C-alpha atoms as a PDB file:
ATOM      1  CA  MET A   1       8.749   7.527   1.478  1.00  0.00           C
ATOM      2  CA  ARG A   2      10.659   9.286  -0.662  1.00  0.00           C
ATOM      3  CA  MET A   3      11.344  12.929  -0.297  1.00  0.00           C
ATOM      4  CA  ASP A   4      10.666  14.943  -4.146  1.00  0.00           C
ATOM      5  CA  ALA A   5      13.568  17.594  -3.934  1.00  0.00           C
ATOM      6  CA  TRP A   6      15.494  16.043  -1.120  1.00  0.00           C
ATOM      7  CA  GLY A   7      16.138  12.753   0.538  1.00  0.00           C
ATOM      8  CA  TRP A   8      16.420  11.423   4.050  1.00  0.00           C
ATOM      9  CA  ALA A   9      19.737  11.937   4.405  1.00  0.00           C
ATOM     10  CA  GLU A  10      19.685  15.863   3.084  1.00  0.00           C
ATOM     11  CA  LEU A  11      17.005  16.548   6.097  1.00  0.00           C
ATOM     12  CA  GLY A  12      19.451  14.695   8.415  1.00  0.00           C
ATOM     13  CA  GLU A  13      22.436  17.190   7.549  1.00  0.00           C
ATOM     14  CA  LEU A  14      19.282  19.913   7.389  1.00  0.00           C
ATOM     15  CA  VAL A  15      18.027  18.977  11.056  1.00  0.00           C
ATOM     16  CA  THR A  16      21.808  18.287  12.832  1.00  0.00           C
ATOM     17  CA  SER A  17      22.830  21.557  10.979  1.00  0.00           C
ATOM     18  CA  PHE A  18      19.990  23.489  12.584  1.00  0.00           C
ATOM     19  CA  GLY A  19      20.544  22.042  15.828  1.00  0.00           C
ATOM     20  CA  TYR A  20      24.660  23.026  15.220  1.00  0.00           C
ATOM     21  CA  GLY A  21      23.639  26.407  14.296  1.00  0.00           C
ATOM     22  CA  ILE A  22      21.339  27.369  17.669  1.00  0.00           C
ATOM     23  CA  LEU A  23      24.354  25.596  19.520  1.00  0.00           C
ATOM     24  CA  SER A  24      27.092  27.635  17.975  1.00  0.00           C
ATOM     25  CA  ALA A  25      24.877  30.903  18.263  1.00  0.00           C
ATOM     26  CA  LEU A  26      24.578  30.531  21.978  1.00  0.00           C
ATOM     27  CA  VAL A  27      27.939  29.069  23.057  1.00  0.00           C
ATOM     28  CA  PRO A  28      31.375  30.930  21.409  1.00  0.00           C
ATOM     29  CA  LEU A  29      33.537  27.775  21.527  1.00  0.00           C
ATOM     30  CA  ALA A  30      31.523  26.305  19.025  1.00  0.00           C
ATOM     31  CA  ASN A  31      32.693  27.101  15.922  1.00  0.00           C
ATOM     32  CA  ALA A  32      29.612  27.526  12.717  1.00  0.00           C
ATOM     33  CA  GLU A  33      31.731  27.968  10.428  1.00  0.00           C
ATOM     34  CA  GLY A  34      34.353  25.170  11.195  1.00  0.00           C
ATOM     35  CA  TYR A  35      30.893  23.178  11.142  1.00  0.00           C
ATOM     36  CA  VAL A  36      30.522  24.017   7.258  1.00  0.00           C
ATOM     37  CA  LEU A  37      33.964  24.117   6.548  1.00  0.00           C
ATOM     38  CA  VAL A  38      34.176  20.286   7.765  1.00  0.00           C
ATOM     39  CA  SER A  39      30.933  19.264   6.448  1.00  0.00           C
ATOM     40  CA  GLY A  40      32.117  20.363   3.002  1.00  0.00           C
ATOM     41  CA  LEU A  41      35.446  19.263   2.921  1.00  0.00           C
ATOM     42  CA  SER A  42      34.291  15.254   4.329  1.00  0.00           C
ATOM     43  CA  SER A  43      32.413  15.039   1.093  1.00  0.00           C
ATOM     44  CA  ILE A  44      29.432  12.940   3.138  1.00  0.00           C
ATOM     45  CA  GLY A  45      26.775  15.890   2.099  1.00  0.00           C
ATOM     46  CA  HIS A  46      25.853  18.492   0.130  1.00  0.00           C
ATOM     47  CA  ALA A  47      26.342  22.175   1.025  1.00  0.00           C
ATOM     48  CA  ALA A  48      22.647  23.374   0.491  1.00  0.00           C
ATOM     49  CA  PRO A  49      21.150  21.527   3.753  1.00  0.00           C
ATOM     50  CA  VAL A  50      24.461  22.332   5.710  1.00  0.00           C
ATOM     51  CA  VAL A  51      24.034  25.876   4.827  1.00  0.00           C
ATOM     52  CA  ALA A  52      20.416  26.132   4.992  1.00  0.00           C
ATOM     53  CA  GLY A  53      20.459  24.619   8.572  1.00  0.00           C
ATOM     54  CA  VAL A  54      22.934  26.214   9.929  1.00  0.00           C
ATOM     55  CA  THR A  55      21.763  29.689   9.005  1.00  0.00           C
ATOM     56  CA  LEU A  56      18.554  29.004  10.314  1.00  0.00           C
ATOM     57  CA  GLY A  57      20.002  27.713  13.551  1.00  0.00           C
ATOM     58  CA  GLN A  58      22.311  30.638  13.846  1.00  0.00           C
ATOM     59  CA  THR A  59      19.597  32.913  13.272  1.00  0.00           C
ATOM     60  CA  LEU A  60      17.085  31.574  15.500  1.00  0.00           C
ATOM     61  CA  GLY A  61      19.730  31.344  18.401  1.00  0.00           C
ATOM     62  CA  LYS A  62      21.218  35.097  17.762  1.00  0.00           C
ATOM     63  CA  VAL A  63      17.156  35.686  18.186  1.00  0.00           C
ATOM     64  CA  LEU A  64      17.058  33.937  21.689  1.00  0.00           C
ATOM     65  CA  LEU A  65      19.954  36.186  22.620  1.00  0.00           C
ATOM     66  CA  PHE A  66      18.055  39.454  21.449  1.00  0.00           C
ATOM     67  CA  LEU A  67      15.014  38.469  23.363  1.00  0.00           C
ATOM     68  CA  GLY A  68      16.765  37.230  26.182  1.00  0.00           C
ATOM     69  CA  VAL A  69      18.301  40.953  26.745  1.00  0.00           C
ATOM     70  CA  ARG A  70      14.956  42.476  26.277  1.00  0.00           C
ATOM     71  CA  ARG A  71      13.058  40.473  28.102  1.00  0.00           C
ATOM     72  CA  GLY A  72      15.193  39.514  30.961  1.00  0.00           C
ATOM     73  CA  ARG A  73      14.945  42.721  32.464  1.00  0.00           C
ATOM     74  CA  GLN A  74      12.018  41.922  33.774  1.00  0.00           C
ATOM     75  CA  PHE A  75      12.570  39.225  35.712  1.00  0.00           C
ATOM     76  CA  PRO A  76      13.032  39.968  39.463  1.00  0.00           C
ATOM     77  CA  PHE A  77      16.298  38.300  39.821  1.00  0.00           C
ATOM     78  CA  VAL A  78      17.649  40.456  37.176  1.00  0.00           C
ATOM     79  CA  ARG A  79      16.208  43.312  38.839  1.00  0.00           C
ATOM     80  CA  HIS A  80      17.427  42.914  42.365  1.00  0.00           C
ATOM     81  CA  GLN A  81      21.000  42.068  40.779  1.00  0.00           C
ATOM     82  CA  ARG A  82      20.901  45.671  39.016  1.00  0.00           C
ATOM     83  CA  ALA A  83      19.960  47.301  42.244  1.00  0.00           C
ATOM     84  CA  ARG A  84      22.628  45.345  44.098  1.00  0.00           C
ATOM     85  CA  LEU A  85      25.107  46.821  41.631  1.00  0.00           C
ATOM     86  CA  ARG A  86      23.708  50.041  41.741  1.00  0.00           C
ATOM     87  CA  SER A  87      24.407  50.388  45.186  1.00  0.00           C
ATOM     88  CA  HIS A  88      28.573  49.949  44.878  1.00  0.00           C
ATOM     89  CA  PRO A  89      30.488  52.406  44.290  1.00  0.00           C
ATOM     90  CA  VAL A  90      31.576  53.246  40.792  1.00  0.00           C
ATOM     91  CA  GLY A  91      35.166  52.932  40.136  1.00  0.00           C
ATOM     92  CA  PRO A  92      37.656  53.762  37.068  1.00  0.00           C
ATOM     93  CA  ALA A  93      37.317  50.918  34.454  1.00  0.00           C
ATOM     94  CA  ARG A  94      33.549  50.119  35.525  1.00  0.00           C
ATOM     95  CA  ARG A  95      33.088  54.212  34.761  1.00  0.00           C
ATOM     96  CA  ARG A  96      34.998  53.429  31.303  1.00  0.00           C
ATOM     97  CA  PHE A  97      33.097  50.122  31.145  1.00  0.00           C
ATOM     98  CA  ARG A  98      29.640  52.223  31.326  1.00  0.00           C
ATOM     99  CA  ARG A  99      30.613  54.775  29.030  1.00  0.00           C
ATOM    100  CA  THR A 100      31.805  52.434  26.682  1.00  0.00           C
ATOM    101  CA  ILE A 101      28.773  50.174  26.504  1.00  0.00           C
ATOM    102  CA  ALA A 102      26.695  53.507  26.244  1.00  0.00           C
ATOM    103  CA  ALA A 103      28.062  54.569  23.379  1.00  0.00           C
ATOM    104  CA  LEU A 104      27.811  51.158  21.323  1.00  0.00           C
ATOM    105  CA  LEU A 105      24.035  51.217  22.735  1.00  0.00           C
ATOM    106  CA  ARG A 106      23.937  54.320  20.932  1.00  0.00           C
ATOM    107  CA  LEU A 107      25.517  53.378  17.480  1.00  0.00           C
ATOM    108  CA  VAL A 108      23.544  50.169  17.460  1.00  0.00           C
ATOM    109  CA  GLY A 109      19.998  51.801  18.101  1.00  0.00           C
ATOM    110  CA  GLU A 110      20.077  54.462  15.826  1.00  0.00           C
ATOM    111  CA  LYS A 111      17.974  54.276  13.052  1.00  0.00           C
ATOM    112  CA  ARG A 112      20.675  54.892  10.703  1.00  0.00           C
ATOM    113  CA  TRP A 113      23.304  52.434  11.879  1.00  0.00           C
ATOM    114  CA  GLY A 114      21.776  49.335  13.715  1.00  0.00           C
ATOM    115  CA  LEU A 115      20.753  47.351  10.829  1.00  0.00           C
ATOM    116  CA  PRO A 116      24.323  47.996   8.623  1.00  0.00           C
ATOM    117  CA  ILE A 117      25.956  46.911  12.197  1.00  0.00           C
ATOM    118  CA  VAL A 118      23.922  43.760  12.541  1.00  0.00           C
ATOM    119  CA  LEU A 119      24.836  43.270   8.710  1.00  0.00           C
ATOM    120  CA  LEU A 120      28.058  43.797   8.949  1.00  0.00           C
ATOM    121  CA  ALA A 121      28.728  41.255  11.885  1.00  0.00           C
ATOM    122  CA  ALA A 122      26.179  38.399  10.229  1.00  0.00           C
ATOM    123  CA  VAL A 123      28.591  38.730   7.293  1.00  0.00           C
ATOM    124  CA  THR A 124      32.239  39.331   8.370  1.00  0.00           C
ATOM    125  CA  GLY A 125      31.913  38.480  12.536  1.00  0.00           C
ATOM    126  CA  PHE A 126      33.493  41.758  12.859  1.00  0.00           C
ATOM    127  CA  PRO A 127      32.068  43.109  15.546  1.00  0.00           C
ATOM    128  CA  PRO A 128      31.032  40.172  16.460  1.00  0.00           C
ATOM    129  CA  LEU A 129      27.347  39.158  15.911  1.00  0.00           C
ATOM    130  CA  TYR A 130      27.166  37.761  19.211  1.00  0.00           C
ATOM    131  CA  ALA A 131      27.626  41.402  21.326  1.00  0.00           C
ATOM    132  CA  VAL A 132      25.941  42.819  18.692  1.00  0.00           C
ATOM    133  CA  ALA A 133      22.738  40.425  19.015  1.00  0.00           C
ATOM    134  CA  LEU A 134      23.016  41.574  22.891  1.00  0.00           C
ATOM    135  CA  LEU A 135      23.331  45.065  22.365  1.00  0.00           C
ATOM    136  CA  ALA A 136      20.587  45.427  19.818  1.00  0.00           C
ATOM    137  CA  GLY A 137      18.435  43.623  22.021  1.00  0.00           C
ATOM    138  CA  ALA A 138      19.115  46.296  24.457  1.00  0.00           C
ATOM    139  CA  THR A 139      17.273  48.761  22.354  1.00  0.00           C
ATOM    140  CA  ARG A 140      14.362  49.649  20.060  1.00  0.00           C
ATOM    141  CA  MET A 141      15.428  47.565  17.075  1.00  0.00           C
ATOM    142  CA  ARG A 142      12.543  45.587  16.000  1.00  0.00           C
ATOM    143  CA  LEU A 143      13.090  42.287  16.443  1.00  0.00           C
ATOM    144  CA  GLY A 144      11.928  41.779  12.572  1.00  0.00           C
ATOM    145  CA  TRP A 145      14.132  43.461  11.356  1.00  0.00           C
ATOM    146  CA  PHE A 146      17.021  42.292  13.264  1.00  0.00           C
ATOM    147  CA  ALA A 147      16.117  38.621  12.611  1.00  0.00           C
ATOM    148  CA  ALA A 148      15.909  39.100   8.827  1.00  0.00           C
ATOM    149  CA  VAL A 149      19.306  41.090   8.401  1.00  0.00           C
ATOM    150  CA  VAL A 150      20.977  38.003  10.203  1.00  0.00           C
ATOM    151  CA  LEU A 151      19.621  35.600   7.955  1.00  0.00           C
ATOM    152  CA  VAL A 152      20.327  37.258   4.979  1.00  0.00           C
ATOM    153  CA  GLY A 153      24.259  38.068   6.370  1.00  0.00           C
ATOM    154  CA  ARG A 154      24.598  34.891   8.005  1.00  0.00           C
ATOM    155  CA  THR A 155      23.316  33.216   4.267  1.00  0.00           C
ATOM    156  CA  VAL A 156      25.629  34.876   2.518  1.00  0.00           C
ATOM    157  CA  ARG A 157      28.446  34.031   5.377  1.00  0.00           C
ATOM    158  CA  PHE A 158      28.585  30.510   5.121  1.00  0.00           C
ATOM    159  CA  VAL A 159      27.782  30.588   1.141  1.00  0.00           C
ATOM    160  CA  LEU A 160      30.718  31.946   1.174  1.00  0.00           C
ATOM    161  CA  VAL A 161      32.514  29.573   3.521  1.00  0.00           C
ATOM    162  CA  ALA A 162      30.690  26.869   1.378  1.00  0.00           C
ATOM    163  CA  ARG A 163      31.390  27.751  -2.019  1.00  0.00           C
ATOM    164  CA  GLY A 164      35.446  28.345  -0.724  1.00  0.00           C
ATOM    165  CA  VAL A 165      35.466  24.729   0.524  1.00  0.00           C
ATOM    166  CA  ALA A 166      34.472  23.391  -2.789  1.00  0.00           C
ATOM    167  CA  VAL A 167      37.054  25.637  -4.698  1.00  0.00           C
ATOM    168  CA  LEU A 168      39.663  23.695  -2.453  1.00  0.00           C
ATOM    169  CA  HIS A 169      37.874  20.664  -2.522  1.00  0.00           C
ATOM    170  CA  PRO A 170      35.787  19.594  -5.964  1.00  0.00           C
END
């Protein structure tokens, strides 16, 4: 059986990269950029399936983080933990932390700034997309817009990494 556009090797690269993309989206120690870089330097495969797989996997992983925050507040153990924390006295460090998180939530939750912040995080990594995904899940941001912006931003990021490898290692 033969595939027209890609062969079985490229399909394998796509699936493997997709899995690694999900892993790297959920576990910050697994570096997606490093994966794309090493895949390009190893000269084993083509950049397109690696970039496509990592991009799709990263997008799915960030959507899972987004949904985890959005839906997680409904779980009984989360409600219990939040009630327990509210019963403890709030010290100055926790008060500053809460103010900082509230300010970030307001910024990411604004229609004017929310999606540009997500795009900036998806392309540059600053602010960290992991944190932005968690913050966005706690706002009223639409899931579809969040996923689309992450997909576009991550595509740009990984294409740039892959092109950089191609320039360094023709």
